[in-house]
Amino acid sequence: MKNSIEQTQALTVALRIRPMNSSEINCGSQHIAHVMDGKLVVLRDPNEDADDILRANRSREKQYVFDLVFGPQATHRNVYESTASGLLGGVLDGYNATVFAYGPTGTGKTFTMLGTSEEPGIMYLTLNELYGQIDRKAEDMTYKVTISYLEIYNEMIRDLLHPNSGILDMREDSKGVVVVGLLDVEVTSASQVMSLLSLGNSRRTCEPTAVNKTSSRSHAVLQITVEGKGRVGDVSQEVSTGKLYMVDLAGSERA
């Protein structure tokens, strides 16, 4: 994946630290996660006394290194430009890529992926740029974009764009692993995709938890398929097919 790390690699792991919510602020909670240099995050014990000489060598401080670390003030665009934006060129050239959000309930996975109307998330920003790149290649290439949107809950697969299809089966054929009966919808703009995602997301399985009253309890998988053909008149056209998977995982804690 090519991104702001300025290197090509198969996998990039980024950590995003969310701001404290109102209930955490009201009860006097403190930030213990501190971003040091964009890659290092330090977890500090809020009860630790720096002047306690007897415990100086028994610090409970923990340090973790990631490819990228975003602090509480980071925006969706900050995260997008350093992660998902570098994948689109490869998808348009026929390669596959995946972006997924992982973490416990209440850490902002769905917020990061979907965002709000005022601050669109990674999915919208990625799709908006995808169509921008398609427009810039219009003289040489034609593209067809289709999407599907499914949820996996208790090992059962449901089509979030066509809920009346019931429980779907996963099978393997000559093309690889496929979900039988999953609806593919041709789309022509990022706003159309987001309208479908908003509709599909309203159908996800949700249950209230102590930290999130509308916690998504299922994995949601958006598959974006991009088929490209060269504009070469009567000459045989080169066809490419790339897929981008954008996954909003359920909370990583046990249900």
C-alpha atoms as a PDB file:
ATOM      1  CA  MET A   1       0.000   0.000   0.000  1.00  0.00           C
ATOM      2  CA  LYS A   2       1.476   3.339  -1.039  1.00  0.00           C
ATOM      3  CA  ASN A   3       0.736   6.173   1.368  1.00  0.00           C
ATOM      4  CA  SER A   4       2.313   9.019   3.311  1.00  0.00           C
ATOM      5  CA  ILE A   5       4.783   6.609   4.901  1.00  0.00           C
ATOM      6  CA  GLU A   6       6.520   6.899   1.499  1.00  0.00           C
ATOM      7  CA  GLN A   7       7.077   3.223   0.998  1.00  0.00           C
ATOM      8  CA  THR A   8       5.301   0.288  -0.564  1.00  0.00           C
ATOM      9  CA  GLN A   9       4.119  -2.390   1.835  1.00  0.00           C
ATOM     10  CA  ALA A  10       1.409  -5.017   2.039  1.00  0.00           C
ATOM     11  CA  LEU A  11      -0.107  -3.885   5.323  1.00  0.00           C
ATOM     12  CA  THR A  12      -0.299  -0.624   7.255  1.00  0.00           C
ATOM     13  CA  VAL A  13      -1.604  -0.515  10.833  1.00  0.00           C
ATOM     14  CA  ALA A  14      -2.860   2.871  12.030  1.00  0.00           C
ATOM     15  CA  LEU A  15      -4.176   3.743  15.489  1.00  0.00           C
ATOM     16  CA  ARG A  16      -6.765   6.481  16.029  1.00  0.00           C
ATOM     17  CA  ILE A  17      -7.352   7.794  19.559  1.00  0.00           C
ATOM     18  CA  ARG A  18     -10.830   9.229  19.996  1.00  0.00           C
ATOM     19  CA  PRO A  19     -11.633  12.261  22.163  1.00  0.00           C
ATOM     20  CA  MET A  20     -13.304  11.718  25.528  1.00  0.00           C
ATOM     21  CA  ASN A  21     -17.090  11.880  25.448  1.00  0.00           C
ATOM     22  CA  SER A  22     -19.225  14.043  27.736  1.00  0.00           C
ATOM     23  CA  SER A  23     -19.882  11.316  30.296  1.00  0.00           C
ATOM     24  CA  GLU A  24     -16.168  10.587  30.607  1.00  0.00           C
ATOM     25  CA  ILE A  25     -15.398  14.276  31.040  1.00  0.00           C
ATOM     26  CA  ASN A  26     -18.173  14.719  33.609  1.00  0.00           C
ATOM     27  CA  CYS A  27     -16.892  11.885  35.765  1.00  0.00           C
ATOM     28  CA  GLY A  28     -13.341  13.300  35.794  1.00  0.00           C
ATOM     29  CA  SER A  29     -11.662  10.809  33.456  1.00  0.00           C
ATOM     30  CA  GLN A  30      -8.185  11.611  32.169  1.00  0.00           C
ATOM     31  CA  HIS A  31      -6.387  10.932  28.906  1.00  0.00           C
ATOM     32  CA  ILE A  32      -3.784   8.216  29.392  1.00  0.00           C
ATOM     33  CA  ALA A  33      -2.874   7.676  25.710  1.00  0.00           C
ATOM     34  CA  HIS A  34      -0.336  10.176  24.380  1.00  0.00           C
ATOM     35  CA  VAL A  35       0.945  10.422  20.804  1.00  0.00           C
ATOM     36  CA  MET A  36       4.680  11.054  20.767  1.00  0.00           C
ATOM     37  CA  ASP A  37       5.909  11.220  17.164  1.00  0.00           C
ATOM     38  CA  GLY A  38       3.136  10.053  14.846  1.00  0.00           C
ATOM     39  CA  LYS A  39       4.093   6.405  15.334  1.00  0.00           C
ATOM     40  CA  LEU A  40       4.571   5.922  19.076  1.00  0.00           C
ATOM     41  CA  VAL A  41       1.747   5.944  21.621  1.00  0.00           C
ATOM     42  CA  VAL A  42       2.492   5.956  25.364  1.00  0.00           C
ATOM     43  CA  LEU A  43      -0.047   4.790  27.947  1.00  0.00           C
ATOM     44  CA  ARG A  44       0.588   6.482  31.288  1.00  0.00           C
ATOM     45  CA  ASP A  45      -0.867   5.602  34.681  1.00  0.00           C
ATOM     46  CA  PRO A  46      -2.940   8.634  35.754  1.00  0.00           C
ATOM     47  CA  ASN A  47      -2.342   7.734  39.407  1.00  0.00           C
ATOM     48  CA  GLU A  48       1.421   7.562  39.051  1.00  0.00           C
ATOM     49  CA  ASP A  49       3.376  10.125  41.090  1.00  0.00           C
ATOM     50  CA  ALA A  50       6.487  11.349  39.303  1.00  0.00           C
ATOM     51  CA  ASP A  51       7.995  12.377  42.665  1.00  0.00           C
ATOM     52  CA  ASP A  52       7.575   8.935  44.238  1.00  0.00           C
ATOM     53  CA  ILE A  53      11.216   7.782  44.326  1.00  0.00           C
ATOM     54  CA  LEU A  54      10.337   4.372  45.788  1.00  0.00           C
ATOM     55  CA  ARG A  55       8.239   3.474  42.724  1.00  0.00           C
ATOM     56  CA  ALA A  56      10.475   5.123  40.128  1.00  0.00           C
ATOM     57  CA  ASN A  57      11.654   1.769  38.763  1.00  0.00           C
ATOM     58  CA  ARG A  58       8.196   0.184  38.793  1.00  0.00           C
ATOM     59  CA  SER A  59       6.414   2.435  36.335  1.00  0.00           C
ATOM     60  CA  ARG A  60       3.275   1.029  34.729  1.00  0.00           C
ATOM     61  CA  GLU A  61       3.863   3.078  31.587  1.00  0.00           C
ATOM     62  CA  LYS A  62       3.415   1.132  28.339  1.00  0.00           C
ATOM     63  CA  GLN A  63       4.674   2.010  24.875  1.00  0.00           C
ATOM     64  CA  TYR A  64       3.374   0.753  21.521  1.00  0.00           C
ATOM     65  CA  VAL A  65       4.607   1.441  17.992  1.00  0.00           C
ATOM     66  CA  PHE A  66       2.366   1.566  14.907  1.00  0.00           C
ATOM     67  CA  ASP A  67       2.857   2.639  11.303  1.00  0.00           C
ATOM     68  CA  LEU A  68       0.706   5.703  12.020  1.00  0.00           C
ATOM     69  CA  VAL A  69      -0.905   7.166  15.147  1.00  0.00           C
ATOM     70  CA  PHE A  70      -3.630   9.837  15.088  1.00  0.00           C
ATOM     71  CA  GLY A  71      -4.481  11.839  18.199  1.00  0.00           C
ATOM     72  CA  PRO A  72      -7.921  12.993  19.402  1.00  0.00           C
ATOM     73  CA  GLN A  73      -7.766  16.150  17.255  1.00  0.00           C
ATOM     74  CA  ALA A  74      -7.294  14.264  13.961  1.00  0.00           C
ATOM     75  CA  THR A  75     -10.055  14.633  11.370  1.00  0.00           C
ATOM     76  CA  HIS A  76     -11.465  12.002   9.025  1.00  0.00           C
ATOM     77  CA  ARG A  77      -9.562  13.649   6.187  1.00  0.00           C
ATOM     78  CA  ASN A  78      -6.278  13.421   8.126  1.00  0.00           C
ATOM     79  CA  VAL A  79      -6.840   9.696   8.550  1.00  0.00           C
ATOM     80  CA  TYR A  80      -8.006   9.178   4.952  1.00  0.00           C
ATOM     81  CA  GLU A  81      -5.102  11.019   3.331  1.00  0.00           C
ATOM     82  CA  SER A  82      -2.550   8.971   5.263  1.00  0.00           C
ATOM     83  CA  THR A  83      -4.223   5.580   4.739  1.00  0.00           C
ATOM     84  CA  ALA A  84      -6.936   4.793   2.190  1.00  0.00           C
ATOM     85  CA  SER A  85      -6.102   7.461  -0.402  1.00  0.00           C
ATOM     86  CA  GLY A  86      -3.012   5.578  -1.556  1.00  0.00           C
ATOM     87  CA  LEU A  87      -5.014   2.496  -2.532  1.00  0.00           C
ATOM     88  CA  LEU A  88      -7.150   3.931  -5.321  1.00  0.00           C
ATOM     89  CA  GLY A  89      -4.548   3.938  -8.078  1.00  0.00           C
ATOM     90  CA  GLY A  90      -3.991   0.222  -7.610  1.00  0.00           C
ATOM     91  CA  VAL A  91      -7.727  -0.544  -7.595  1.00  0.00           C
ATOM     92  CA  LEU A  92      -8.185   1.345 -10.876  1.00  0.00           C
ATOM     93  CA  ASP A  93      -5.298  -0.699 -12.316  1.00  0.00           C
ATOM     94  CA  GLY A  94      -7.008  -3.981 -11.381  1.00  0.00           C
ATOM     95  CA  TYR A  95      -5.612  -4.757  -7.928  1.00  0.00           C
ATOM     96  CA  ASN A  96      -7.553  -5.602  -4.761  1.00  0.00           C
ATOM     97  CA  ALA A  97      -7.268  -3.751  -1.446  1.00  0.00           C
ATOM     98  CA  THR A  98      -8.947  -3.726   1.958  1.00  0.00           C
ATOM     99  CA  VAL A  99      -9.525  -1.094   4.636  1.00  0.00           C
ATOM    100  CA  PHE A 100     -11.031  -2.199   7.928  1.00  0.00           C
ATOM    101  CA  ALA A 101     -11.737  -0.617  11.308  1.00  0.00           C
ATOM    102  CA  TYR A 102     -11.076  -2.808  14.355  1.00  0.00           C
ATOM    103  CA  GLY A 103     -11.442  -2.154  18.072  1.00  0.00           C
ATOM    104  CA  PRO A 104     -13.751  -2.407  21.101  1.00  0.00           C
ATOM    105  CA  THR A 105     -17.280  -1.028  21.196  1.00  0.00           C
ATOM    106  CA  GLY A 106     -17.427   2.753  21.543  1.00  0.00           C
ATOM    107  CA  THR A 107     -14.028   3.544  20.041  1.00  0.00           C
ATOM    108  CA  GLY A 108     -15.449   5.179  16.904  1.00  0.00           C
ATOM    109  CA  LYS A 109     -15.149   2.531  14.191  1.00  0.00           C
ATOM    110  CA  THR A 110     -18.456   3.279  12.455  1.00  0.00           C
ATOM    111  CA  PHE A 111     -17.957   7.010  12.997  1.00  0.00           C
ATOM    112  CA  THR A 112     -14.557   6.805  11.309  1.00  0.00           C
ATOM    113  CA  MET A 113     -15.809   4.737   8.377  1.00  0.00           C
ATOM    114  CA  LEU A 114     -19.183   6.444   7.744  1.00  0.00           C
ATOM    115  CA  GLY A 115     -18.806   9.793   9.465  1.00  0.00           C
ATOM    116  CA  THR A 116     -21.635  12.338   9.487  1.00  0.00           C
ATOM    117  CA  SER A 117     -23.195  14.703   6.961  1.00  0.00           C
ATOM    118  CA  GLU A 118     -21.031  17.498   8.411  1.00  0.00           C
ATOM    119  CA  GLU A 119     -17.834  15.430   8.459  1.00  0.00           C
ATOM    120  CA  PRO A 120     -17.975  12.528   5.986  1.00  0.00           C
ATOM    121  CA  GLY A 121     -15.967   9.441   6.919  1.00  0.00           C
ATOM    122  CA  ILE A 122     -13.369   7.313   5.168  1.00  0.00           C
ATOM    123  CA  MET A 123     -15.911   5.563   2.931  1.00  0.00           C
ATOM    124  CA  TYR A 124     -17.277   8.773   1.409  1.00  0.00           C
ATOM    125  CA  LEU A 125     -13.849  10.405   1.035  1.00  0.00           C
ATOM    126  CA  THR A 126     -12.505   7.295  -0.695  1.00  0.00           C
ATOM    127  CA  LEU A 127     -15.449   7.039  -3.093  1.00  0.00           C
ATOM    128  CA  ASN A 128     -15.391  10.750  -3.856  1.00  0.00           C
ATOM    129  CA  GLU A 129     -11.732  10.540  -4.846  1.00  0.00           C
ATOM    130  CA  LEU A 130     -12.378   7.316  -6.794  1.00  0.00           C
ATOM    131  CA  TYR A 131     -14.875   9.096  -9.044  1.00  0.00           C
ATOM    132  CA  GLY A 132     -12.517  12.055  -9.306  1.00  0.00           C
ATOM    133  CA  GLN A 133      -9.773   9.787 -10.639  1.00  0.00           C
ATOM    134  CA  ILE A 134     -12.223   8.106 -13.009  1.00  0.00           C
ATOM    135  CA  ASP A 135     -13.175  11.507 -14.437  1.00  0.00           C
ATOM    136  CA  ARG A 136      -9.507  12.393 -14.936  1.00  0.00           C
ATOM    137  CA  LYS A 137      -8.954   9.155 -16.889  1.00  0.00           C
ATOM    138  CA  ALA A 138     -12.121   9.538 -19.001  1.00  0.00           C
ATOM    139  CA  GLU A 139     -10.258  10.230 -22.272  1.00  0.00           C
ATOM    140  CA  ASP A 140      -8.358   6.939 -22.110  1.00  0.00           C
ATOM    141  CA  MET A 141     -10.526   4.616 -20.010  1.00  0.00           C
ATOM    142  CA  THR A 142     -14.159   3.798 -19.272  1.00  0.00           C
ATOM    143  CA  TYR A 143     -15.104   2.403 -15.873  1.00  0.00           C
ATOM    144  CA  LYS A 144     -18.104   0.619 -14.404  1.00  0.00           C
ATOM    145  CA  VAL A 145     -18.480   0.730 -10.613  1.00  0.00           C
ATOM    146  CA  THR A 146     -20.732  -1.661  -8.678  1.00  0.00           C
ATOM    147  CA  ILE A 147     -21.152  -2.155  -4.935  1.00  0.00           C
ATOM    148  CA  SER A 148     -22.542  -4.730  -2.550  1.00  0.00           C
ATOM    149  CA  TYR A 149     -23.086  -4.304   1.190  1.00  0.00           C
ATOM    150  CA  LEU A 150     -23.499  -7.220   3.575  1.00  0.00           C
ATOM    151  CA  GLU A 151     -23.438  -7.943   7.280  1.00  0.00           C
ATOM    152  CA  ILE A 152     -22.138 -10.990   9.119  1.00  0.00           C
ATOM    153  CA  TYR A 153     -23.850 -11.649  12.449  1.00  0.00           C
ATOM    154  CA  ASN A 154     -23.592 -14.900  14.409  1.00  0.00           C
ATOM    155  CA  GLU A 155     -21.982 -16.490  11.313  1.00  0.00           C
ATOM    156  CA  MET A 156     -25.020 -15.611   9.182  1.00  0.00           C
ATOM    157  CA  ILE A 157     -24.754 -13.393   6.093  1.00  0.00           C
ATOM    158  CA  ARG A 158     -27.453 -10.855   5.174  1.00  0.00           C
ATOM    159  CA  ASP A 159     -27.660  -8.458   2.233  1.00  0.00           C
ATOM    160  CA  LEU A 160     -28.091  -4.967   3.693  1.00  0.00           C
ATOM    161  CA  LEU A 161     -29.236  -3.577   0.331  1.00  0.00           C
ATOM    162  CA  HIS A 162     -31.781  -6.361  -0.259  1.00  0.00           C
ATOM    163  CA  PRO A 163     -32.875  -7.618   3.183  1.00  0.00           C
ATOM    164  CA  ASN A 164     -35.752  -9.683   1.764  1.00  0.00           C
ATOM    165  CA  SER A 165     -33.224 -12.130   0.295  1.00  0.00           C
ATOM    166  CA  GLY A 166     -32.881 -13.781   3.724  1.00  0.00           C
ATOM    167  CA  ILE A 167     -29.787 -15.649   4.927  1.00  0.00           C
ATOM    168  CA  LEU A 168     -27.184 -16.060   2.181  1.00  0.00           C
ATOM    169  CA  ASP A 169     -24.663 -18.848   1.589  1.00  0.00           C
ATOM    170  CA  MET A 170     -20.958 -18.498   0.902  1.00  0.00           C
ATOM    171  CA  ARG A 171     -19.478 -20.804  -1.743  1.00  0.00           C
ATOM    172  CA  GLU A 172     -16.254 -21.213  -3.673  1.00  0.00           C
ATOM    173  CA  ASP A 173     -16.175 -21.491  -7.451  1.00  0.00           C
ATOM    174  CA  SER A 174     -13.726 -20.856 -10.284  1.00  0.00           C
ATOM    175  CA  LYS A 175     -13.819 -17.130  -9.509  1.00  0.00           C
ATOM    176  CA  GLY A 176     -13.021 -17.644  -5.827  1.00  0.00           C
ATOM    177  CA  VAL A 177     -15.229 -17.239  -2.759  1.00  0.00           C
ATOM    178  CA  VAL A 178     -18.646 -15.739  -3.556  1.00  0.00           C
ATOM    179  CA  VAL A 179     -21.816 -14.990  -1.601  1.00  0.00           C
ATOM    180  CA  VAL A 180     -24.687 -16.550  -3.534  1.00  0.00           C
ATOM    181  CA  GLY A 181     -27.565 -14.143  -4.164  1.00  0.00           C
ATOM    182  CA  LEU A 182     -25.746 -10.996  -3.010  1.00  0.00           C
ATOM    183  CA  LEU A 183     -27.054  -7.953  -4.898  1.00  0.00           C
ATOM    184  CA  ASP A 184     -24.577  -5.874  -6.930  1.00  0.00           C
ATOM    185  CA  VAL A 185     -25.746  -2.322  -7.615  1.00  0.00           C
ATOM    186  CA  GLU A 186     -24.213  -0.136 -10.321  1.00  0.00           C
ATOM    187  CA  VAL A 187     -23.439   3.340  -8.952  1.00  0.00           C
ATOM    188  CA  THR A 188     -22.348   6.555 -10.609  1.00  0.00           C
ATOM    189  CA  SER A 189     -21.468   8.927  -7.753  1.00  0.00           C
ATOM    190  CA  ALA A 190     -20.172   8.983  -4.185  1.00  0.00           C
ATOM    191  CA  SER A 191     -23.400  10.581  -2.949  1.00  0.00           C
ATOM    192  CA  GLN A 192     -25.444   7.721  -4.426  1.00  0.00           C
ATOM    193  CA  VAL A 193     -23.224   5.201  -2.646  1.00  0.00           C
ATOM    194  CA  MET A 194     -23.554   7.018   0.669  1.00  0.00           C
ATOM    195  CA  SER A 195     -27.347   7.053   0.337  1.00  0.00           C
ATOM    196  CA  LEU A 196     -27.280   3.281  -0.131  1.00  0.00           C
ATOM    197  CA  LEU A 197     -24.864   2.870   2.783  1.00  0.00           C
ATOM    198  CA  SER A 198     -27.064   4.962   5.068  1.00  0.00           C
ATOM    199  CA  LEU A 199     -30.036   2.795   4.136  1.00  0.00           C
ATOM    200  CA  GLY A 200     -28.057  -0.400   4.611  1.00  0.00           C
ATOM    201  CA  ASN A 201     -26.549   0.744   7.888  1.00  0.00           C
ATOM    202  CA  SER A 202     -30.037   1.361   9.303  1.00  0.00           C
ATOM    203  CA  ARG A 203     -30.664  -2.359   8.792  1.00  0.00           C
ATOM    204  CA  ARG A 204     -27.604  -3.547  10.702  1.00  0.00           C
ATOM    205  CA  THR A 205     -28.022  -5.575  13.860  1.00  0.00           C
ATOM    206  CA  CYS A 206     -27.596  -3.254  16.858  1.00  0.00           C
ATOM    207  CA  GLU A 207     -27.772  -3.747  20.613  1.00  0.00           C
ATOM    208  CA  PRO A 208     -27.276  -1.221  23.437  1.00  0.00           C
ATOM    209  CA  THR A 209     -24.097  -1.494  25.501  1.00  0.00           C
ATOM    210  CA  ALA A 210     -22.725   0.401  28.476  1.00  0.00           C
ATOM    211  CA  VAL A 211     -20.652   2.623  26.179  1.00  0.00           C
ATOM    212  CA  ASN A 212     -22.871   2.852  23.084  1.00  0.00           C
ATOM    213  CA  LYS A 213     -26.667   2.797  22.983  1.00  0.00           C
ATOM    214  CA  THR A 214     -26.700   1.939  19.263  1.00  0.00           C
ATOM    215  CA  SER A 215     -23.699  -0.376  19.079  1.00  0.00           C
ATOM    216  CA  SER A 216     -23.369  -2.310  15.805  1.00  0.00           C
ATOM    217  CA  ARG A 217     -23.052  -5.975  16.747  1.00  0.00           C
ATOM    218  CA  SER A 218     -22.314  -7.244  13.231  1.00  0.00           C
ATOM    219  CA  HIS A 219     -19.466  -6.990  10.748  1.00  0.00           C
ATOM    220  CA  ALA A 220     -20.410  -4.828   7.736  1.00  0.00           C
ATOM    221  CA  VAL A 221     -18.547  -5.324   4.433  1.00  0.00           C
ATOM    222  CA  LEU A 222     -18.771  -2.861   1.548  1.00  0.00           C
ATOM    223  CA  GLN A 223     -17.370  -4.299  -1.682  1.00  0.00           C
ATOM    224  CA  ILE A 224     -16.581  -1.824  -4.468  1.00  0.00           C
ATOM    225  CA  THR A 225     -15.848  -3.445  -7.829  1.00  0.00           C
ATOM    226  CA  VAL A 226     -14.236  -1.327 -10.549  1.00  0.00           C
ATOM    227  CA  GLU A 227     -14.142  -2.663 -14.119  1.00  0.00           C
ATOM    228  CA  GLY A 228     -12.023  -0.692 -16.549  1.00  0.00           C
ATOM    229  CA  LYS A 229     -11.697  -0.800 -20.348  1.00  0.00           C
ATOM    230  CA  GLY A 230      -9.322   1.103 -22.581  1.00  0.00           C
ATOM    231  CA  ARG A 231     -10.732   3.479 -25.222  1.00  0.00           C
ATOM    232  CA  VAL A 232      -8.968   2.056 -28.273  1.00  0.00           C
ATOM    233  CA  GLY A 233     -11.628   1.991 -30.975  1.00  0.00           C
ATOM    234  CA  ASP A 234     -11.800  -1.323 -32.834  1.00  0.00           C
ATOM    235  CA  VAL A 235      -8.628  -2.704 -31.269  1.00  0.00           C
ATOM    236  CA  SER A 236      -9.052  -5.385 -28.577  1.00  0.00           C
ATOM    237  CA  GLN A 237      -9.665  -3.652 -25.293  1.00  0.00           C
ATOM    238  CA  GLU A 238      -7.668  -4.406 -22.181  1.00  0.00           C
ATOM    239  CA  VAL A 239     -10.036  -5.136 -19.301  1.00  0.00           C
ATOM    240  CA  SER A 240      -9.101  -4.773 -15.626  1.00  0.00           C
ATOM    241  CA  THR A 241     -11.124  -5.549 -12.518  1.00  0.00           C
ATOM    242  CA  GLY A 242     -10.117  -4.231  -9.106  1.00  0.00           C
ATOM    243  CA  LYS A 243     -11.957  -4.581  -5.822  1.00  0.00           C
ATOM    244  CA  LEU A 244     -11.850  -2.416  -2.719  1.00  0.00           C
ATOM    245  CA  TYR A 245     -13.284  -3.868   0.478  1.00  0.00           C
ATOM    246  CA  MET A 246     -14.195  -1.454   3.274  1.00  0.00           C
ATOM    247  CA  VAL A 247     -15.048  -3.259   6.501  1.00  0.00           C
ATOM    248  CA  ASP A 248     -16.622  -1.941   9.695  1.00  0.00           C
ATOM    249  CA  LEU A 249     -16.056  -4.716  12.219  1.00  0.00           C
ATOM    250  CA  ALA A 250     -18.194  -5.371  15.265  1.00  0.00           C
ATOM    251  CA  GLY A 251     -16.705  -4.617  18.678  1.00  0.00           C
ATOM    252  CA  SER A 252     -13.655  -6.759  19.316  1.00  0.00           C
ATOM    253  CA  GLU A 253     -14.698  -7.569  22.907  1.00  0.00           C
ATOM    254  CA  ARG A 254     -16.736 -10.712  23.545  1.00  0.00           C
ATOM    255  CA  ALA A 255     -20.483 -10.100  23.222  1.00  0.00           C
END
